[in-house]
Amino acid sequence: MVNAANARLRTGGGVAGALHRAAGPELAVACAPLAPIHPGEAVITDAYGLPNRHVIHCLGPVYGVDEPSDTLLADCYRNALALAQRHGIERLAFPALSTGAFGYPAAEAARIALSTVLTTLPHCPAIRRVRFVLFDAAGAELHQHTLEALTEA
């Protein structure tokens, strides 16, 4: 599972808040010595009260602030996949990184996310499945259409 983290790896709103609440206080304790992280970086912890073994925490770029935002967003996905590969994680679930409070336009973020995953996965043989767990049906439809366009090209 991938967490759309903040730089301090603390409980916040959105995905980070939901994961921290579900995992329990041990997750915050595990995150503290790993912080701060910078845009594009990813770190890994145990999952504690969550049903999976690990959580990969990524800090996406704030759109219009952290530059080059496209490279930093792609780095999030590449670094998360590399950590998953290194730790033998076979299944990974991503949110749409940076598209909430960080303001990244959804269509551009979907293109970067999916193209990065498609080009990185061949180098990560341990990973058998990648899912995008999205906020709503519109986000799922956007990702589906973007994936179709990328794989037809």
Protein backbone atom coordinates (compact mmCIF):
# COMPACT_ATOMS: atom_id res chain seq x y z
CA MET A 1 0.00 0.00 0.00
CA VAL A 2 1.27 3.47 -0.88
CA ASN A 3 0.59 6.45 1.35
CA ALA A 4 0.28 9.96 -0.09
CA ALA A 5 2.43 11.33 2.72
CA ASN A 6 3.40 14.74 3.97
CA ALA A 7 7.07 15.68 4.46
CA ARG A 8 6.99 14.92 8.20
CA LEU A 9 5.23 11.56 7.65
CA ARG A 10 2.62 12.59 10.19
CA THR A 11 -1.07 11.94 10.38
CA GLY A 12 -2.85 14.42 8.16
CA GLY A 13 -5.95 14.53 6.05
CA GLY A 14 -6.84 12.38 3.08
CA VAL A 15 -4.99 9.12 2.47
CA ALA A 16 -2.31 9.78 5.11
CA GLY A 17 -4.86 10.43 7.83
CA ALA A 18 -6.95 7.38 6.96
CA LEU A 19 -3.90 5.09 6.91
CA HIS A 20 -2.52 6.39 10.20
CA ARG A 21 -5.89 6.00 11.93
CA ALA A 22 -6.31 2.45 10.64
CA ALA A 23 -2.72 1.39 11.37
CA GLY A 24 -2.68 2.70 14.93
CA PRO A 25 -0.09 4.77 16.82
CA GLU A 26 2.78 2.41 16.01
CA LEU A 27 2.85 3.76 12.45
CA ALA A 28 3.54 7.31 13.65
CA VAL A 29 6.34 6.00 15.89
CA ALA A 30 7.90 4.12 12.95
CA CYS A 31 7.64 7.16 10.66
CA ALA A 32 9.22 9.70 13.00
CA PRO A 33 12.90 8.76 12.48
CA LEU A 34 12.43 8.61 8.69
CA ALA A 35 11.22 12.20 8.38
CA PRO A 36 11.53 14.60 6.79
CA ILE A 37 11.33 13.35 3.24
CA HIS A 38 11.50 15.47 0.10
CA PRO A 39 9.24 15.57 -2.97
CA GLY A 40 9.79 12.48 -5.08
CA GLU A 41 11.13 10.40 -2.20
CA ALA A 42 9.66 7.19 -0.83
CA VAL A 43 10.31 5.33 2.44
CA ILE A 44 8.89 2.09 3.81
CA THR A 45 7.53 1.00 7.20
CA ASP A 46 5.67 -1.95 8.58
CA ALA A 47 1.88 -1.64 8.28
CA TYR A 48 0.97 -2.42 11.92
CA GLY A 49 -2.85 -2.50 12.19
CA LEU A 50 -3.39 -2.62 8.43
CA PRO A 51 -4.03 -5.92 6.63
CA ASN A 52 -0.87 -5.67 4.51
CA ARG A 53 2.74 -6.06 5.67
CA HIS A 54 4.17 -2.70 4.60
CA VAL A 55 3.31 0.89 3.82
CA ILE A 56 5.37 2.84 1.31
CA HIS A 57 5.17 6.56 2.03
CA CYS A 58 5.67 8.95 -0.91
CA LEU A 59 5.82 12.72 -0.89
CA GLY A 60 4.43 14.03 -4.14
CA PRO A 61 5.15 17.53 -5.42
CA VAL A 62 2.92 20.51 -4.71
CA TYR A 63 1.80 21.55 -8.18
CA GLY A 64 3.27 24.90 -9.22
CA VAL A 65 5.64 24.97 -6.23
CA ASP A 66 7.92 21.90 -6.34
CA GLU A 67 9.70 21.83 -9.68
CA PRO A 68 10.14 20.06 -11.98
CA SER A 69 6.79 18.69 -10.84
CA ASP A 70 6.46 16.09 -13.59
CA THR A 71 9.85 14.57 -12.77
CA LEU A 72 9.19 14.63 -9.03
CA LEU A 73 5.81 12.95 -9.46
CA ALA A 74 7.32 10.25 -11.68
CA ASP A 75 10.09 9.80 -9.09
CA CYS A 76 7.42 9.01 -6.46
CA TYR A 77 6.10 6.12 -8.51
CA ARG A 78 9.57 4.87 -9.54
CA ASN A 79 10.89 5.02 -5.98
CA ALA A 80 7.81 3.28 -4.57
CA LEU A 81 8.12 0.49 -7.13
CA ALA A 82 11.85 0.14 -6.38
CA LEU A 83 11.14 -0.21 -2.65
CA ALA A 84 8.43 -2.77 -3.34
CA GLN A 85 10.81 -4.75 -5.54
CA ARG A 86 13.58 -4.59 -2.91
CA HIS A 87 11.23 -5.84 -0.18
CA GLY A 88 9.62 -8.59 -2.26
CA ILE A 89 6.20 -6.93 -2.30
CA GLU A 90 4.08 -8.61 -4.97
CA ARG A 91 1.00 -6.36 -4.90
CA LEU A 92 0.94 -2.59 -4.64
CA ALA A 93 -1.96 -0.12 -4.36
CA PHE A 94 -1.40 3.53 -5.30
CA PRO A 95 -3.62 6.52 -4.69
CA ALA A 96 -3.52 9.35 -7.24
CA LEU A 97 -0.48 11.04 -5.70
CA SER A 98 -0.45 14.86 -5.47
CA THR A 99 -3.96 15.30 -6.91
CA GLY A 100 -5.71 16.25 -3.67
CA ALA A 101 -4.46 19.05 -1.47
CA PHE A 102 -1.26 19.31 -3.54
CA GLY A 103 -3.29 20.50 -6.55
CA TYR A 104 -1.86 18.41 -9.38
CA PRO A 105 -4.26 18.34 -12.37
CA ALA A 106 -5.85 14.89 -12.43
CA ALA A 107 -5.39 14.13 -16.14
CA GLU A 108 -1.72 15.11 -16.16
CA ALA A 109 -1.08 13.20 -12.93
CA ALA A 110 -2.79 10.08 -14.32
CA ARG A 111 -0.66 10.19 -17.49
CA ILE A 112 2.57 10.56 -15.47
CA ALA A 113 1.58 7.86 -12.98
CA LEU A 114 0.51 5.28 -15.52
CA SER A 115 3.33 5.88 -18.00
CA THR A 116 5.88 5.67 -15.18
CA VAL A 117 4.41 2.44 -13.82
CA LEU A 118 4.25 0.91 -17.32
CA THR A 119 7.90 1.71 -18.05
CA THR A 120 9.19 0.76 -14.59
CA LEU A 121 7.33 -2.52 -14.00
CA PRO A 122 9.44 -4.58 -16.45
CA HIS A 123 12.42 -3.88 -14.16
CA CYS A 124 10.52 -5.08 -11.07
CA PRO A 125 9.89 -8.81 -11.54
CA ALA A 126 8.78 -9.35 -7.92
CA ILE A 127 5.75 -7.09 -8.45
CA ARG A 128 2.85 -9.05 -9.88
CA ARG A 129 0.00 -6.54 -9.58
CA VAL A 130 -0.34 -2.77 -9.33
CA ARG A 131 -3.69 -1.18 -8.58
CA PHE A 132 -4.80 2.41 -8.42
CA VAL A 133 -7.28 2.98 -5.60
CA LEU A 134 -9.04 6.19 -6.51
CA PHE A 135 -11.36 8.62 -4.78
CA ASP A 136 -14.35 8.24 -7.08
CA ALA A 137 -15.73 6.77 -10.30
CA ALA A 138 -14.56 9.79 -12.30
CA GLY A 139 -10.97 9.19 -11.20
CA ALA A 140 -11.23 5.50 -12.07
CA GLU A 141 -12.64 6.33 -15.50
CA LEU A 142 -9.90 8.89 -16.13
CA HIS A 143 -7.21 6.35 -15.24
CA GLN A 144 -8.85 3.66 -17.39
CA HIS A 145 -9.02 5.95 -20.45
CA THR A 146 -5.47 7.14 -19.87
CA LEU A 147 -4.20 3.57 -19.61
CA GLU A 148 -6.00 2.62 -22.81
CA ALA A 149 -4.48 5.60 -24.64
CA LEU A 150 -0.98 4.79 -23.38
CA THR A 151 -1.15 1.11 -24.29
CA GLU A 152 -2.59 1.79 -27.76
CA ALA A 153 0.25 4.18 -28.64
